[in-house]
Amino acid sequence: MGMGPNAAGEALFWQIGIAGSHRGQGHGKSLAAALIRGIRQQGGRRVLVTIAEDNLVSRRLFEGCAFACNTRLVAVGPIPCMADDIQAETLYGFDLPPEAKCSEWRV
């Protein structure tokens, strides 16, 4: 889940998911927007998120978050897997400008 920002103003979203029966209804977008609002209220300036290599839906969601904040999602680096049954993930990040700079995506 999400964590509050660290001393550098970075907050990590990790292992966020929407149940299959509830996908495609905007719940992921609403959850991401609520988490970003909370991070911003706590003084956060950057969002970090883990995304599995084949999870295009999640990557598009966070690309939309970044675009709404007039920035872009950037790959920070791979996350090493410690077990054979865990899928490789990449750590991505985007900056959070002042709220007034964000578009109507409601972030």
C-alpha atoms as a PDB file:
ATOM      1  CA  MET A   1       0.000   0.000   0.000  1.00  0.00           C
ATOM      2  CA  GLY A   2       1.088   3.610   0.167  1.00  0.00           C
ATOM      3  CA  MET A   3       3.417   5.073   2.747  1.00  0.00           C
ATOM      4  CA  GLY A   4       3.763   8.658   3.904  1.00  0.00           C
ATOM      5  CA  PRO A   5       6.645  10.673   2.503  1.00  0.00           C
ATOM      6  CA  ASN A   6      10.157  10.149   3.831  1.00  0.00           C
ATOM      7  CA  ALA A   7      12.535  12.972   4.787  1.00  0.00           C
ATOM      8  CA  ALA A   8      13.277  13.575   1.081  1.00  0.00           C
ATOM      9  CA  GLY A   9       9.549  14.036   0.356  1.00  0.00           C
ATOM     10  CA  GLU A  10       9.254  10.721  -1.523  1.00  0.00           C
ATOM     11  CA  ALA A  11       6.323   8.363  -0.974  1.00  0.00           C
ATOM     12  CA  LEU A  12       6.204   4.738  -2.151  1.00  0.00           C
ATOM     13  CA  PHE A  13       3.133   2.990  -3.562  1.00  0.00           C
ATOM     14  CA  TRP A  14       3.743  -0.750  -3.352  1.00  0.00           C
ATOM     15  CA  GLN A  15       1.499  -3.710  -4.182  1.00  0.00           C
ATOM     16  CA  ILE A  16      -1.668  -1.742  -4.865  1.00  0.00           C
ATOM     17  CA  GLY A  17      -4.311  -3.733  -6.690  1.00  0.00           C
ATOM     18  CA  ILE A  18      -7.988  -3.789  -7.577  1.00  0.00           C
ATOM     19  CA  ALA A  19      -9.958  -7.062  -7.427  1.00  0.00           C
ATOM     20  CA  GLY A  20     -10.708  -8.452 -10.877  1.00  0.00           C
ATOM     21  CA  SER A  21     -14.465  -8.054 -10.508  1.00  0.00           C
ATOM     22  CA  HIS A  22     -14.012  -4.326  -9.812  1.00  0.00           C
ATOM     23  CA  ARG A  23     -11.519  -3.450 -12.560  1.00  0.00           C
ATOM     24  CA  GLY A  24     -12.426  -1.053 -15.341  1.00  0.00           C
ATOM     25  CA  GLN A  25     -14.746   0.992 -13.106  1.00  0.00           C
ATOM     26  CA  GLY A  26     -12.359   3.807 -12.175  1.00  0.00           C
ATOM     27  CA  HIS A  27     -11.490   2.461  -8.713  1.00  0.00           C
ATOM     28  CA  GLY A  28      -7.737   2.417  -9.426  1.00  0.00           C
ATOM     29  CA  LYS A  29      -7.827   6.018 -10.581  1.00  0.00           C
ATOM     30  CA  SER A  30      -9.852   7.060  -7.509  1.00  0.00           C
ATOM     31  CA  LEU A  31      -7.500   5.195  -5.171  1.00  0.00           C
ATOM     32  CA  ALA A  32      -4.392   6.680  -6.791  1.00  0.00           C
ATOM     33  CA  ALA A  33      -5.881  10.201  -6.650  1.00  0.00           C
ATOM     34  CA  ALA A  34      -6.762   9.793  -2.953  1.00  0.00           C
ATOM     35  CA  LEU A  35      -3.287   8.481  -2.104  1.00  0.00           C
ATOM     36  CA  ILE A  36      -1.623  11.326  -4.009  1.00  0.00           C
ATOM     37  CA  ARG A  37      -3.802  13.895  -2.225  1.00  0.00           C
ATOM     38  CA  GLY A  38      -2.771  12.360   1.108  1.00  0.00           C
ATOM     39  CA  ILE A  39       0.894  12.371   0.156  1.00  0.00           C
ATOM     40  CA  ARG A  40       0.673  15.999  -0.927  1.00  0.00           C
ATOM     41  CA  GLN A  41      -1.084  16.957   2.359  1.00  0.00           C
ATOM     42  CA  GLN A  42       1.828  15.357   4.240  1.00  0.00           C
ATOM     43  CA  GLY A  43       4.350  17.455   2.306  1.00  0.00           C
ATOM     44  CA  GLY A  44       5.270  14.829  -0.280  1.00  0.00           C
ATOM     45  CA  ARG A  45       6.996  16.013  -3.433  1.00  0.00           C
ATOM     46  CA  ARG A  46       7.625  12.769  -5.337  1.00  0.00           C
ATOM     47  CA  VAL A  47       5.710   9.517  -5.870  1.00  0.00           C
ATOM     48  CA  LEU A  48       7.521   6.215  -6.341  1.00  0.00           C
ATOM     49  CA  VAL A  49       5.561   3.194  -7.544  1.00  0.00           C
ATOM     50  CA  THR A  50       6.414  -0.427  -8.318  1.00  0.00           C
ATOM     51  CA  ILE A  51       4.938  -1.832 -11.525  1.00  0.00           C
ATOM     52  CA  ALA A  52       5.274  -5.399 -12.822  1.00  0.00           C
ATOM     53  CA  GLU A  53       6.842  -5.564 -16.266  1.00  0.00           C
ATOM     54  CA  ASP A  54       3.696  -6.927 -17.956  1.00  0.00           C
ATOM     55  CA  ASN A  55       1.183  -4.713 -16.113  1.00  0.00           C
ATOM     56  CA  LEU A  56       0.396  -2.175 -18.829  1.00  0.00           C
ATOM     57  CA  VAL A  57      -2.848  -1.106 -17.117  1.00  0.00           C
ATOM     58  CA  SER A  58      -0.980  -0.042 -13.980  1.00  0.00           C
ATOM     59  CA  ARG A  59       1.716   1.719 -15.982  1.00  0.00           C
ATOM     60  CA  ARG A  60      -0.917   3.632 -17.971  1.00  0.00           C
ATOM     61  CA  LEU A  61      -2.703   4.592 -14.751  1.00  0.00           C
ATOM     62  CA  PHE A  62       0.441   6.133 -13.265  1.00  0.00           C
ATOM     63  CA  GLU A  63       1.445   7.697 -16.581  1.00  0.00           C
ATOM     64  CA  GLY A  64      -1.965   9.424 -16.395  1.00  0.00           C
ATOM     65  CA  CYS A  65      -1.245  10.555 -12.828  1.00  0.00           C
ATOM     66  CA  ALA A  66       2.064  12.042 -13.910  1.00  0.00           C
ATOM     67  CA  PHE A  67       0.567  13.671 -17.014  1.00  0.00           C
ATOM     68  CA  ALA A  68      -2.169  15.274 -14.889  1.00  0.00           C
ATOM     69  CA  CYS A  69       0.610  16.760 -12.765  1.00  0.00           C
ATOM     70  CA  ASN A  70       2.393  18.167 -15.841  1.00  0.00           C
ATOM     71  CA  THR A  71       5.294  15.769 -15.457  1.00  0.00           C
ATOM     72  CA  ARG A  72       6.081  12.266 -16.660  1.00  0.00           C
ATOM     73  CA  LEU A  73       6.590   8.812 -15.223  1.00  0.00           C
ATOM     74  CA  VAL A  74      10.283   7.878 -15.261  1.00  0.00           C
ATOM     75  CA  ALA A  75      11.835   4.453 -14.656  1.00  0.00           C
ATOM     76  CA  VAL A  76      14.149   4.659 -11.645  1.00  0.00           C
ATOM     77  CA  GLY A  77      15.438   1.085 -11.862  1.00  0.00           C
ATOM     78  CA  PRO A  78      14.613  -2.611 -11.578  1.00  0.00           C
ATOM     79  CA  ILE A  79      13.680  -4.218  -8.282  1.00  0.00           C
ATOM     80  CA  PRO A  80      15.581  -7.490  -7.788  1.00  0.00           C
ATOM     81  CA  CYS A  81      13.443 -10.607  -7.250  1.00  0.00           C
ATOM     82  CA  MET A  82      14.379 -12.869  -4.377  1.00  0.00           C
ATOM     83  CA  ALA A  83      12.096 -15.788  -5.318  1.00  0.00           C
ATOM     84  CA  ASP A  84      11.401 -17.607  -8.565  1.00  0.00           C
ATOM     85  CA  ASP A  85       7.630 -17.185  -8.278  1.00  0.00           C
ATOM     86  CA  ILE A  86       7.718 -13.390  -7.938  1.00  0.00           C
ATOM     87  CA  GLN A  87       7.442 -11.353 -11.115  1.00  0.00           C
ATOM     88  CA  ALA A  88      10.090  -8.751 -11.943  1.00  0.00           C
ATOM     89  CA  GLU A  89       9.056  -5.188 -11.208  1.00  0.00           C
ATOM     90  CA  THR A  90      10.439  -1.765 -12.008  1.00  0.00           C
ATOM     91  CA  LEU A  91      10.457   1.234  -9.712  1.00  0.00           C
ATOM     92  CA  TYR A  92       9.021   4.345 -11.395  1.00  0.00           C
ATOM     93  CA  GLY A  93       8.680   7.870 -10.088  1.00  0.00           C
ATOM     94  CA  PHE A  94       7.158  11.260 -10.824  1.00  0.00           C
ATOM     95  CA  ASP A  95       7.315  14.659  -9.162  1.00  0.00           C
ATOM     96  CA  LEU A  96       4.338  16.338  -7.516  1.00  0.00           C
ATOM     97  CA  PRO A  97       4.116  20.039  -8.355  1.00  0.00           C
ATOM     98  CA  PRO A  98       1.943  22.389  -6.295  1.00  0.00           C
ATOM     99  CA  GLU A  99      -1.700  21.284  -6.477  1.00  0.00           C
ATOM    100  CA  ALA A 100      -2.725  24.267  -8.582  1.00  0.00           C
ATOM    101  CA  LYS A 101      -0.471  22.968 -11.375  1.00  0.00           C
ATOM    102  CA  CYS A 102      -2.381  19.683 -11.719  1.00  0.00           C
ATOM    103  CA  SER A 103      -5.132  19.253 -14.290  1.00  0.00           C
ATOM    104  CA  GLU A 104      -8.723  18.129 -13.870  1.00  0.00           C
ATOM    105  CA  TRP A 105      -7.630  14.513 -13.323  1.00  0.00           C
ATOM    106  CA  ARG A 106      -8.455  15.374  -9.686  1.00  0.00           C
ATOM    107  CA  VAL A 107      -5.097  14.387  -8.252  1.00  0.00           C
END
